[in-house]
PDB file of N, CA and C in Angstrom:
ATOM      1  N   UNK A   1     119.937 118.342 162.926  1.00  0.00           N
ATOM      2  CA  UNK A   1     119.898 118.190 161.480  1.00  0.00           C
ATOM      3  C   UNK A   1     121.119 118.847 160.835  1.00  0.00           C
ATOM      4  N   UNK A   2     121.447 120.050 161.233  1.00  0.00           N
ATOM      5  CA  UNK A   2     122.585 120.762 160.671  1.00  0.00           C
ATOM      6  C   UNK A   2     123.885 120.040 161.026  1.00  0.00           C
ATOM      7  N   UNK A   3     123.934 119.520 162.232  1.00  0.00           N
ATOM      8  CA  UNK A   3     125.122 118.798 162.679  1.00  0.00           C
ATOM      9  C   UNK A   3     125.365 117.565 161.803  1.00  0.00           C
ATOM     10  N   UNK A   4     124.304 116.853 161.449  1.00  0.00           N
ATOM     11  CA  UNK A   4     124.423 115.680 160.595  1.00  0.00           C
ATOM     12  C   UNK A   4     124.926 116.080 159.201  1.00  0.00           C
ATOM     13  N   UNK A   5     124.411 117.178 158.685  1.00  0.00           N
ATOM     14  CA  UNK A   5     124.854 117.654 157.368  1.00  0.00           C
ATOM     15  C   UNK A   5     126.329 118.031 157.386  1.00  0.00           C
ATOM     16  N   UNK A   6     126.780 118.654 158.456  1.00  0.00           N
ATOM     17  CA  UNK A   6     128.193 119.005 158.572  1.00  0.00           C
ATOM     18  C   UNK A   6     129.076 117.758 158.641  1.00  0.00           C
ATOM     19  N   UNK A   7     128.624 116.749 159.359  1.00  0.00           N
ATOM     20  CA  UNK A   7     129.379 115.503 159.451  1.00  0.00           C
ATOM     21  C   UNK A   7     129.456 114.835 158.083  1.00  0.00           C
ATOM     22  N   UNK A   8     128.340 114.783 157.380  1.00  0.00           N
ATOM     23  CA  UNK A   8     128.325 114.180 156.046  1.00  0.00           C
ATOM     24  C   UNK A   8     129.242 114.964 155.097  1.00  0.00           C
ATOM     25  N   UNK A   9     129.190 116.282 155.168  1.00  0.00           N
ATOM     26  CA  UNK A   9     130.044 117.110 154.314  1.00  0.00           C
ATOM     27  C   UNK A   9     131.520 116.876 154.636  1.00  0.00           C
ATOM     28  N   UNK A  10     131.844 116.721 155.905  1.00  0.00           N
ATOM     29  CA  UNK A  10     133.229 116.468 156.308  1.00  0.00           C
ATOM     30  C   UNK A  10     133.693 115.108 155.792  1.00  0.00           C
ATOM     31  N   UNK A  11     132.844 114.098 155.892  1.00  0.00           N
ATOM     32  CA  UNK A  11     133.200 112.761 155.410  1.00  0.00           C
ATOM     33  C   UNK A  11     133.413 112.785 153.900  1.00  0.00           C
ATOM     34  N   UNK A  12     132.549 113.467 153.179  1.00  0.00           N
ATOM     35  CA  UNK A  12     132.693 113.572 151.721  1.00  0.00           C
ATOM     36  C   UNK A  12     133.976 114.326 151.371  1.00  0.00           C
ATOM     37  N   UNK A  13     134.278 115.367 152.097  1.00  0.00           N
ATOM     38  CA  UNK A  13     135.510 116.123 151.856  1.00  0.00           C
ATOM     39  C   UNK A  13     136.754 115.291 152.094  1.00  0.00           C
ATOM     40  N   UNK A  14     136.772 114.535 153.176  1.00  0.00           N
ATOM     41  CA  UNK A  14     137.915 113.675 153.473  1.00  0.00           C
ATOM     42  C   UNK A  14     138.054 112.601 152.405  1.00  0.00           C
ATOM     43  N   UNK A  15     136.946 112.026 151.974  1.00  0.00           N
ATOM     44  CA  UNK A  15     136.988 110.998 150.928  1.00  0.00           C
ATOM     45  C   UNK A  15     137.538 111.577 149.631  1.00  0.00           C
ATOM     46  N   UNK A  16     137.168 112.797 149.299  1.00  0.00           N
ATOM     47  CA  UNK A  16     137.676 113.437 148.088  1.00  0.00           C
ATOM     48  C   UNK A  16     139.181 113.674 148.189  1.00  0.00           C
ATOM     49  N   UNK A  17     139.663 114.097 149.351  1.00  0.00           N
ATOM     50  CA  UNK A  17     141.094 114.308 149.534  1.00  0.00           C
ATOM     51  C   UNK A  17     141.874 112.999 149.415  1.00  0.00           C
ATOM     52  N   UNK A  18     141.341 111.937 150.005  1.00  0.00           N
ATOM     53  CA  UNK A  18     142.009 110.638 149.925  1.00  0.00           C
ATOM     54  C   UNK A  18     142.046 110.161 148.480  1.00  0.00           C
ATOM     55  N   UNK A  19     140.943 110.300 147.762  1.00  0.00           N
ATOM     56  CA  UNK A  19     140.895 109.876 146.363  1.00  0.00           C
ATOM     57  C   UNK A  19     141.897 110.674 145.533  1.00  0.00           C
ATOM     58  N   UNK A  20     142.033 111.966 145.798  1.00  0.00           N
ATOM     59  CA  UNK A  20     142.992 112.796 145.058  1.00  0.00           C
ATOM     60  C   UNK A  20     144.425 112.352 145.353  1.00  0.00           C
ATOM     61  N   UNK A  21     144.720 112.063 146.612  1.00  0.00           N
ATOM     62  CA  UNK A  21     146.069 111.605 146.964  1.00  0.00           C
ATOM     63  C   UNK A  21     146.402 110.285 146.278  1.00  0.00           C
ATOM     64  N   UNK A  22     145.437 109.362 146.249  1.00  0.00           N
ATOM     65  CA  UNK A  22     145.661 108.073 145.596  1.00  0.00           C
ATOM     66  C   UNK A  22     145.887 108.267 144.104  1.00  0.00           C
ATOM     67  N   UNK A  23     145.090 109.116 143.471  1.00  0.00           N
ATOM     68  CA  UNK A  23     145.246 109.374 142.038  1.00  0.00           C
ATOM     69  C   UNK A  23     146.595 110.013 141.755  1.00  0.00           C
ATOM     70  N   UNK A  24     146.988 110.987 142.571  1.00  0.00           N
ATOM     71  CA  UNK A  24     148.282 111.648 142.392  1.00  0.00           C
ATOM     72  C   UNK A  24     149.432 110.651 142.547  1.00  0.00           C
ATOM     73  N   UNK A  25     149.321 109.757 143.519  1.00  0.00           N
ATOM     74  CA  UNK A  25     150.362 108.754 143.728  1.00  0.00           C
ATOM     75  C   UNK A  25     150.454 107.811 142.533  1.00  0.00           C
ATOM     76  N   UNK A  26     149.315 107.411 142.000  1.00  0.00           N
ATOM     77  CA  UNK A  26     149.316 106.533 140.836  1.00  0.00           C
ATOM     78  C   UNK A  26     149.900 107.237 139.616  1.00  0.00           C
ATOM     79  N   UNK A  27     149.549 108.497 139.426  1.00  0.00           N
ATOM     80  CA  UNK A  27     150.098 109.265 138.304  1.00  0.00           C
ATOM     81  C   UNK A  27     151.609 109.408 138.441  1.00  0.00           C
ATOM     82  N   UNK A  28     152.079 109.672 139.643  1.00  0.00           N
ATOM     83  CA  UNK A  28     153.515 109.830 139.894  1.00  0.00           C
ATOM     84  C   UNK A  28     154.245 108.516 139.614  1.00  0.00           C
ATOM     85  N   UNK A  29     153.670 107.401 140.076  1.00  0.00           N
ATOM     86  CA  UNK A  29     154.286 106.098 139.845  1.00  0.00           C
ATOM     87  C   UNK A  29     154.341 105.774 138.349  1.00  0.00           C
ATOM     88  N   UNK A  30     153.279 106.089 137.624  1.00  0.00           N
ATOM     89  CA  UNK A  30     153.252 105.839 136.181  1.00  0.00           C
ATOM     90  C   UNK A  30     154.286 106.702 135.467  1.00  0.00           C
ATOM     91  N   UNK A  31     154.431 107.940 135.898  1.00  0.00           N
ATOM     92  CA  UNK A  31     155.418 108.832 135.284  1.00  0.00           C
ATOM     93  C   UNK A  31     156.829 108.319 135.512  1.00  0.00           C
ATOM     94  N   UNK A  32     157.140 107.895 136.747  1.00  0.00           N
ATOM     95  CA  UNK A  32     158.468 107.348 137.029  1.00  0.00           C
ATOM     96  C   UNK A  32     158.715 106.064 136.244  1.00  0.00           C
ATOM     97  N   UNK A  33     157.687 105.253 136.108  1.00  0.00           N
ATOM     98  CA  UNK A  33     157.843 104.018 135.349  1.00  0.00           C
ATOM     99  C   UNK A  33     158.180 104.328 133.896  1.00  0.00           C
ATOM    100  N   UNK A  34     157.478 105.285 133.329  1.00  0.00           N
ATOM    101  CA  UNK A  34     157.729 105.678 131.939  1.00  0.00           C
ATOM    102  C   UNK A  34     159.119 106.281 131.784  1.00  0.00           C
ATOM    103  N   UNK A  35     159.535 107.060 132.765  1.00  0.00           N
ATOM    104  CA  UNK A  35     160.818 107.764 132.663  1.00  0.00           C
ATOM    105  C   UNK A  35     161.999 106.833 132.886  1.00  0.00           C
ATOM    106  N   UNK A  36     161.801 105.739 133.609  1.00  0.00           N
ATOM    107  CA  UNK A  36     162.941 104.891 133.972  1.00  0.00           C
ATOM    108  C   UNK A  36     163.008 103.584 133.190  1.00  0.00           C
ATOM    109  N   UNK A  37     162.038 103.306 132.337  1.00  0.00           N
ATOM    110  CA  UNK A  37     162.097 102.091 131.535  1.00  0.00           C
ATOM    111  C   UNK A  37     162.695 102.414 130.179  1.00  0.00           C
ATOM    112  N   UNK A  38     163.435 101.466 129.653  1.00  0.00           N
ATOM    113  CA  UNK A  38     164.047 101.687 128.349  1.00  0.00           C
ATOM    114  C   UNK A  38     162.969 101.574 127.271  1.00  0.00           C
ATOM    115  N   UNK A  39     163.092 102.352 126.225  1.00  0.00           N
ATOM    116  CA  UNK A  39     162.088 102.308 125.156  1.00  0.00           C
ATOM    117  C   UNK A  39     162.165 100.992 124.391  1.00  0.00           C
ATOM    118  N   UNK A  40     161.050 100.541 123.931  1.00  0.00           N
ATOM    119  CA  UNK A  40     160.986  99.299 123.144  1.00  0.00           C
ATOM    120  C   UNK A  40     161.189  99.677 121.685  1.00  0.00           C
ATOM    121  N   UNK A  41     162.380  99.400 121.169  1.00  0.00           N
ATOM    122  CA  UNK A  41     162.750  99.833 119.815  1.00  0.00           C
ATOM    123  C   UNK A  41     162.718  98.670 118.819  1.00  0.00           C
ATOM    124  N   UNK A  42     161.789  97.765 118.984  1.00  0.00           N
ATOM    125  CA  UNK A  42     161.706  96.629 118.070  1.00  0.00           C
ATOM    126  C   UNK A  42     161.213  97.038 116.720  1.00  0.00           C
TER     127      UNK A  42
END
C-alpha cells in the first residue's frame, strides 16, 4: 500500500515538473515574441 502511494506521489511530482517546464517555455516564447515584434503604431 505504501509503495503504491509513493509511486502515485512520484508520478504526480513528475507531472507537475513537466507542466511547469511547459508553462515556463510558453512564457519565455511569449516574452521573446513581444520583445522582437515591432509595435503597431496605427
